[in-house]
Each structure stands twice: as structure tokens, then as C-alpha cells.
N, C-alpha and C. Protein backbone atom coordinates (compact mmCIF):
# COMPACT_ATOMS: atom_id res chain seq x y z
N MET A 1 8.05 7.43 30.14
CA MET A 1 7.03 7.35 29.01
C MET A 1 5.68 6.72 29.66
N THR A 2 4.54 7.17 29.71
CA THR A 2 3.39 6.80 30.10
C THR A 2 2.84 5.65 29.24
N ILE A 3 1.94 4.86 29.81
CA ILE A 3 1.38 3.78 29.37
C ILE A 3 0.44 4.33 27.94
N LYS A 4 -0.05 5.53 28.26
CA LYS A 4 -0.94 5.97 27.28
C LYS A 4 -0.10 6.59 25.85
N THR A 5 0.99 6.85 26.13
CA THR A 5 2.11 7.56 25.15
C THR A 5 2.47 6.19 24.48
N THR A 6 2.88 5.24 25.17
CA THR A 6 3.21 4.14 24.48
C THR A 6 2.19 3.21 23.63
N VAL A 7 0.96 3.36 24.12
CA VAL A 7 -0.04 2.65 23.29
C VAL A 7 -0.23 3.72 22.08
N ILE A 8 -0.18 5.02 22.01
CA ILE A 8 -0.35 5.73 21.04
C ILE A 8 0.79 5.48 19.96
N LEU A 9 1.96 5.59 20.45
CA LEU A 9 3.16 5.29 19.45
C LEU A 9 2.94 3.97 18.83
N GLY A 10 2.53 2.85 19.81
CA GLY A 10 2.63 1.61 19.14
C GLY A 10 1.58 1.83 18.18
N ALA A 11 0.47 2.05 18.27
CA ALA A 11 -0.66 2.27 17.16
C ALA A 11 -0.23 3.10 15.92
N PHE A 12 0.57 4.06 16.24
CA PHE A 12 1.08 4.97 15.34
C PHE A 12 2.20 4.30 14.15
N SER A 13 2.77 3.35 15.05
CA SER A 13 3.83 2.54 14.20
C SER A 13 3.35 1.40 13.50
N LEU A 14 2.11 0.68 13.91
CA LEU A 14 1.57 -0.03 13.63
C LEU A 14 0.78 0.15 12.27
N ALA A 15 0.19 1.41 12.47
CA ALA A 15 -0.38 2.07 11.07
C ALA A 15 0.56 2.22 9.82
N LEU A 16 1.49 2.75 10.35
CA LEU A 16 2.74 3.16 9.36
C LEU A 16 3.34 1.82 8.75
N SER A 17 3.20 0.69 9.34
CA SER A 17 3.91 -0.53 8.95
C SER A 17 2.82 -1.12 8.05
N GLY A 18 1.46 -0.85 7.98
CA GLY A 18 0.33 -1.28 7.17
C GLY A 18 0.05 -0.35 5.98
N CYS A 19 0.73 0.97 6.11
CA CYS A 19 0.27 1.88 5.17
C CYS A 19 0.64 1.36 3.81
N GLY A 20 -0.32 1.94 2.91
CA GLY A 20 -0.10 1.49 1.42
C GLY A 20 1.20 2.25 0.91
N THR A 21 1.17 3.47 1.11
CA THR A 21 2.58 4.02 0.67
C THR A 21 4.02 3.47 1.27
N VAL A 22 3.98 3.08 2.58
CA VAL A 22 5.08 2.68 2.71
C VAL A 22 5.13 1.26 2.11
N SER A 23 4.02 0.23 1.99
CA SER A 23 4.27 -0.78 0.99
C SER A 23 4.70 -0.80 -0.04
N THR A 24 4.41 0.32 -0.81
CA THR A 24 4.54 0.46 -2.21
C THR A 24 5.84 1.33 -2.65
N VAL A 25 6.07 2.27 -1.68
CA VAL A 25 7.03 3.34 -2.16
C VAL A 25 8.46 2.96 -1.21
N LEU A 26 8.28 2.41 -0.09
CA LEU A 26 9.65 2.31 0.76
C LEU A 26 9.86 0.72 0.71
N GLN A 27 9.05 -0.09 0.38
CA GLN A 27 9.48 -1.57 0.23
C GLN A 27 9.92 -1.81 -1.27
N ASP A 28 10.18 -3.13 -1.43
CA ASP A 28 10.68 -3.62 -2.71
C ASP A 28 9.13 -3.83 -3.32
N GLU A 29 9.08 -3.46 -4.66
CA GLU A 29 7.60 -3.69 -5.45
C GLU A 29 7.52 -5.13 -5.39
N ALA A 30 8.26 -6.12 -5.50
CA ALA A 30 7.98 -7.40 -5.22
C ALA A 30 7.22 -7.77 -4.43
N GLU A 31 7.65 -7.30 -3.06
CA GLU A 31 7.01 -7.58 -1.69
C GLU A 31 5.79 -6.66 -1.72
N ALA A 32 5.21 -5.69 -2.52
CA ALA A 32 3.96 -5.03 -2.19
C ALA A 32 3.24 -5.82 -3.45
N ALA A 33 3.71 -6.45 -4.49
CA ALA A 33 2.84 -7.32 -5.58
C ALA A 33 2.57 -8.58 -4.65
N ARG A 34 3.61 -9.08 -3.81
CA ARG A 34 3.24 -10.33 -3.14
C ARG A 34 2.12 -10.20 -2.06
N ASP A 35 2.16 -9.06 -1.32
CA ASP A 35 1.15 -8.78 -0.44
C ASP A 35 -0.17 -8.64 -1.14
N LEU A 36 -0.22 -8.06 -1.94
CA LEU A 36 -1.40 -8.00 -2.90
C LEU A 36 -1.92 -9.18 -3.42
N ARG A 37 -0.98 -10.15 -3.74
CA ARG A 37 -1.56 -11.35 -4.33
C ARG A 37 -2.01 -12.32 -3.24
N LYS A 38 -1.41 -12.20 -2.02
CA LYS A 38 -1.76 -12.86 -0.65
C LYS A 38 -3.34 -12.49 -0.38
N GLN A 39 -3.69 -10.94 -0.63
CA GLN A 39 -5.11 -10.81 -0.29
C GLN A 39 -6.13 -11.07 -1.38
N LYS A 40 -5.52 -11.71 -2.46
CA LYS A 40 -6.33 -12.22 -3.72
C LYS A 40 -7.05 -10.78 -4.40
N THR A 41 -6.37 -10.06 -4.60
CA THR A 41 -6.89 -8.86 -5.27
C THR A 41 -7.40 -9.17 -6.58
N TYR A 42 -8.11 -8.26 -7.00
CA TYR A 42 -8.46 -8.29 -8.56
C TYR A 42 -7.56 -7.38 -9.27
N CYS A 43 -6.69 -6.67 -8.60
CA CYS A 43 -5.90 -5.63 -9.39
C CYS A 43 -4.68 -6.41 -10.17
N GLN A 44 -4.45 -6.08 -11.45
CA GLN A 44 -3.33 -6.55 -12.18
C GLN A 44 -2.03 -5.90 -11.98
N SER A 45 -2.30 -4.33 -11.81
CA SER A 45 -1.10 -3.49 -11.64
C SER A 45 -1.72 -2.33 -10.91
N ILE A 46 -0.74 -1.72 -10.51
CA ILE A 46 -1.09 -0.13 -9.70
C ILE A 46 0.02 0.91 -10.32
N PRO A 47 -0.58 2.10 -10.33
CA PRO A 47 0.32 3.12 -10.82
C PRO A 47 1.38 3.55 -9.83
N ARG A 48 2.48 3.75 -9.74
CA ARG A 48 3.24 4.22 -8.84
C ARG A 48 3.04 5.68 -8.20
N VAL A 49 2.05 6.44 -9.08
CA VAL A 49 1.74 7.65 -8.64
C VAL A 49 0.52 7.60 -7.82
N TYR A 50 0.52 8.10 -6.54
CA TYR A 50 -0.72 7.76 -5.80
C TYR A 50 -0.84 6.21 -5.47
N SER A 51 0.24 5.45 -5.39
CA SER A 51 0.30 3.92 -5.25
C SER A 51 -0.18 3.53 -4.18
N GLY A 52 0.07 4.41 -2.93
CA GLY A 52 -0.58 3.86 -1.53
C GLY A 52 -1.90 3.80 -1.66
N LEU A 53 -2.72 4.78 -2.10
CA LEU A 53 -4.10 4.59 -2.28
C LEU A 53 -4.47 3.56 -3.35
N ALA A 54 -4.03 3.36 -4.32
CA ALA A 54 -4.15 2.26 -5.21
C ALA A 54 -4.10 0.99 -4.35
N TYR A 55 -3.17 0.79 -3.75
CA TYR A 55 -2.79 -0.39 -3.11
C TYR A 55 -4.06 -0.53 -2.05
N ASP A 56 -4.45 0.35 -1.39
CA ASP A 56 -5.69 0.44 -0.18
C ASP A 56 -6.90 0.02 -1.06
N PHE A 57 -6.94 0.71 -2.21
CA PHE A 57 -8.36 0.25 -3.10
C PHE A 57 -8.38 -0.98 -3.38
N CYS A 58 -7.20 -1.58 -3.92
CA CYS A 58 -7.11 -2.81 -4.12
C CYS A 58 -7.32 -3.84 -3.15
N VAL A 59 -6.97 -3.61 -1.92
CA VAL A 59 -7.10 -4.39 -0.81
C VAL A 59 -8.56 -4.29 -0.31
N LEU A 60 -9.02 -3.20 -0.44
CA LEU A 60 -10.50 -2.86 0.12
C LEU A 60 -11.54 -3.87 -0.83
N ASN A 61 -11.17 -3.77 -2.29
CA ASN A 61 -11.90 -4.53 -3.25
C ASN A 61 -11.72 -5.90 -3.34
N ALA A 62 -10.64 -6.55 -2.46
CA ALA A 62 -10.21 -7.82 -2.58
C ALA A 62 -11.61 -8.71 -2.09
N PRO A 63 -11.79 -10.06 -2.30
CA PRO A 63 -12.59 -10.82 -1.55
C PRO A 63 -12.58 -10.64 -0.11
N PRO A 64 -13.64 -10.58 0.65
CA PRO A 64 -13.57 -10.54 2.02
C PRO A 64 -12.66 -11.77 2.73
N ASN A 65 -11.88 -11.60 3.31
CA ASN A 65 -10.78 -12.62 4.27
C ASN A 65 -10.82 -12.03 5.71
N PRO A 66 -11.62 -13.27 6.50
CA PRO A 66 -11.75 -12.95 7.98
C PRO A 66 -10.34 -12.89 8.58
N SER A 67 -9.23 -13.21 8.13
CA SER A 67 -7.82 -13.21 8.81
C SER A 67 -6.95 -11.78 8.28
N GLY A 68 -7.71 -11.28 7.06
CA GLY A 68 -7.07 -10.22 6.37
C GLY A 68 -7.20 -8.83 7.23
N TYR A 69 -7.29 -7.75 6.39
CA TYR A 69 -7.23 -6.44 6.80
C TYR A 69 -8.93 -6.09 6.94
N LEU A 70 -9.22 -5.21 7.81
CA LEU A 70 -10.70 -4.64 8.32
C LEU A 70 -10.84 -3.49 7.40
N ALA A 71 -12.11 -3.05 7.09
CA ALA A 71 -12.30 -2.24 6.37
C ALA A 71 -11.99 -0.88 6.92
N PRO A 72 -12.52 -0.91 8.26
CA PRO A 72 -12.25 0.46 8.94
C PRO A 72 -10.92 0.96 9.19
N PHE A 73 -9.86 -0.26 9.27
CA PHE A 73 -8.56 0.32 9.14
C PHE A 73 -7.94 0.86 7.72
N ILE A 74 -8.48 0.13 6.76
CA ILE A 74 -8.18 0.54 5.44
C ILE A 74 -8.48 1.69 5.15
N LEU A 75 -9.88 2.19 5.74
CA LEU A 75 -10.31 3.58 5.20
C LEU A 75 -9.34 4.59 6.02
N LEU A 76 -9.23 4.33 7.26
CA LEU A 76 -7.87 5.19 8.06
C LEU A 76 -6.73 5.23 7.23
N ASP A 77 -6.37 4.20 6.78
CA ASP A 77 -5.00 4.15 6.02
C ASP A 77 -5.00 4.70 4.80
N MET A 78 -6.24 5.00 4.31
CA MET A 78 -6.45 5.75 2.80
C MET A 78 -6.20 7.22 3.12
N THR A 79 -6.45 7.74 4.43
CA THR A 79 -6.10 8.89 4.59
C THR A 79 -4.74 9.32 4.78
N LEU A 80 -4.02 8.38 5.51
CA LEU A 80 -2.66 8.54 5.71
C LEU A 80 -1.92 8.20 4.48
N SER A 81 -2.14 7.34 3.43
CA SER A 81 -1.52 7.18 2.28
C SER A 81 -1.77 8.48 1.34
N GLY A 82 -3.01 9.14 1.46
CA GLY A 82 -3.20 10.12 0.70
C GLY A 82 -2.19 11.26 0.93
N VAL A 83 -1.91 11.61 2.26
CA VAL A 83 -0.97 12.30 2.82
C VAL A 83 0.39 11.97 2.43
N PHE A 84 0.62 10.91 2.46
CA PHE A 84 2.09 10.54 2.18
C PHE A 84 2.35 10.18 0.85
N ASP A 85 1.25 9.91 0.08
CA ASP A 85 1.53 9.77 -1.61
C ASP A 85 1.66 11.34 -2.05
N THR A 86 0.92 12.39 -1.76
CA THR A 86 1.30 13.72 -2.11
C THR A 86 2.61 14.25 -1.69
N VAL A 87 3.17 13.84 -0.58
CA VAL A 87 4.63 14.30 -0.25
C VAL A 87 5.51 13.45 -0.93
N SER A 88 5.21 12.36 -1.43
CA SER A 88 6.06 11.58 -2.05
C SER A 88 6.05 11.63 -3.80
N LEU A 89 5.22 12.65 -4.13
CA LEU A 89 4.88 12.72 -5.39
C LEU A 89 5.99 12.81 -6.64
N PRO A 90 7.17 13.77 -6.14
CA PRO A 90 8.07 13.92 -7.05
C PRO A 90 8.93 12.74 -7.35
N TYR A 91 9.19 11.98 -6.40
CA TYR A 91 9.78 10.76 -6.27
C TYR A 91 8.82 9.91 -7.29
N THR A 92 7.62 9.63 -7.20
CA THR A 92 6.76 8.62 -7.61
C THR A 92 6.54 9.09 -9.13
N ILE A 93 6.50 10.32 -9.57
CA ILE A 93 6.27 10.84 -10.96
C ILE A 93 7.51 10.31 -11.75
N CYS A 94 8.84 10.36 -11.21
CA CYS A 94 9.79 9.80 -11.74
C CYS A 94 10.06 8.60 -12.19
N ARG A 95 9.79 7.77 -10.89
CA ARG A 95 9.65 6.34 -11.18
C ARG A 95 8.54 6.01 -12.18
N GLN A 96 7.36 6.54 -12.04
CA GLN A 96 6.39 6.14 -12.93
C GLN A 96 6.83 6.46 -14.33
N ALA A 97 7.37 7.39 -14.81
CA ALA A 97 7.85 7.81 -15.97
C ALA A 97 9.28 7.00 -16.23
N ALA A 98 9.72 6.37 -15.51
CA ALA A 98 10.97 5.55 -15.84
C ALA A 98 10.47 3.99 -16.01
N ASP A 99 9.73 3.58 -14.81
CA ASP A 99 9.57 2.20 -14.66
C ASP A 99 7.89 1.80 -15.04
N GLY A 100 7.02 2.65 -15.10
CA GLY A 100 5.69 2.49 -15.46
C GLY A 100 5.09 1.77 -14.04
N ASN A 101 3.72 0.99 -14.31
CA ASN A 101 3.21 0.53 -13.19
C ASN A 101 3.74 -0.47 -12.48
N ILE A 102 3.47 -0.80 -11.31
CA ILE A 102 3.89 -2.05 -10.33
C ILE A 102 2.78 -3.07 -10.83
N SER A 103 3.47 -4.22 -11.38
CA SER A 103 2.48 -5.12 -11.70
C SER A 103 2.44 -6.10 -10.74
N ILE A 104 1.29 -6.44 -10.49
CA ILE A 104 0.79 -7.45 -9.31
C ILE A 104 0.97 -8.91 -9.79
N TYR A 105 0.78 -9.28 -10.87
CA TYR A 105 1.02 -10.57 -11.55
C TYR A 105 2.05 -10.66 -12.70
N TRP A 106 2.94 -11.46 -12.34
CA TRP A 106 4.02 -11.72 -13.78
C TRP A 106 3.51 -12.25 -14.92
N ARG A 107 3.71 -11.56 -15.92
CA ARG A 107 3.22 -12.20 -17.17
C ARG A 107 4.41 -12.65 -17.91
N PRO A 108 4.50 -13.70 -18.57
CA PRO A 108 5.59 -13.94 -19.33
C PRO A 108 6.07 -13.24 -20.35
N GLY A 109 7.01 -12.75 -20.40
CA GLY A 109 7.49 -11.93 -21.78
C GLY A 109 7.06 -10.37 -21.55
N GLY A 110 6.44 -10.07 -20.14
CA GLY A 110 6.15 -8.79 -19.96
C GLY A 110 6.16 -8.18 -18.65
N GLY A 111 7.02 -8.58 -17.65
CA GLY A 111 6.99 -8.39 -16.44
C GLY A 111 5.75 -8.03 -15.42
């Protein structure tokens, strides 16, 4: 494997690990909520349908954080999330109907 291939594969795996869809569909929703709270996002909840895009919009709309995500990376991730969210629509539509939105902040008496 060449160095160029290794760098490309490393960049791709890094992009997937930060992908909004991976964070909301493949991980535990509590972990996704915790990640958004760390970003100090203004979002209270995000829908499960197209949750990766919603996640990215929340991060993009959070207060600036010098140690956090960079806007160009988030914009690239939005493209990837749009594709992966579309592929996962059958699953996320069922989850949305059964479980509702992913709550970012816990509210007493209502998840």
C-alpha cells in the first residue's frame, strides 16, 4: 500500500468517524446528544430522519469553538451525511415513528 493510499484511507475513515449520520444512526443517541452538548449547540432536539444533516447544522450553528469542528469540514460532512441519510431513510423513518426526535437536553418528566 502506497503512502498516498494510506493517507486517503486515513482521511476517509476520519471523515466517517466525524460524520453526522454515523454519530446519530450508528452510535447510541445519548452519545450523539452528549457530543452536541459539548459543542454548546442551540438545538434542543433533532429529528431521526436526516439526523446527520440536522446534527451538522446544529454543530455549524453552535458558538465558535477554537478547539472544535471547522466550518469547511462540517460543510464537507454535510454532503456525506446527505448521502448516508438518504440511504438510511427506511430505518430512520421507522425509528422516528416509534421513538420521535433525539433529545439533546434531558427534561424532567419528558426525555
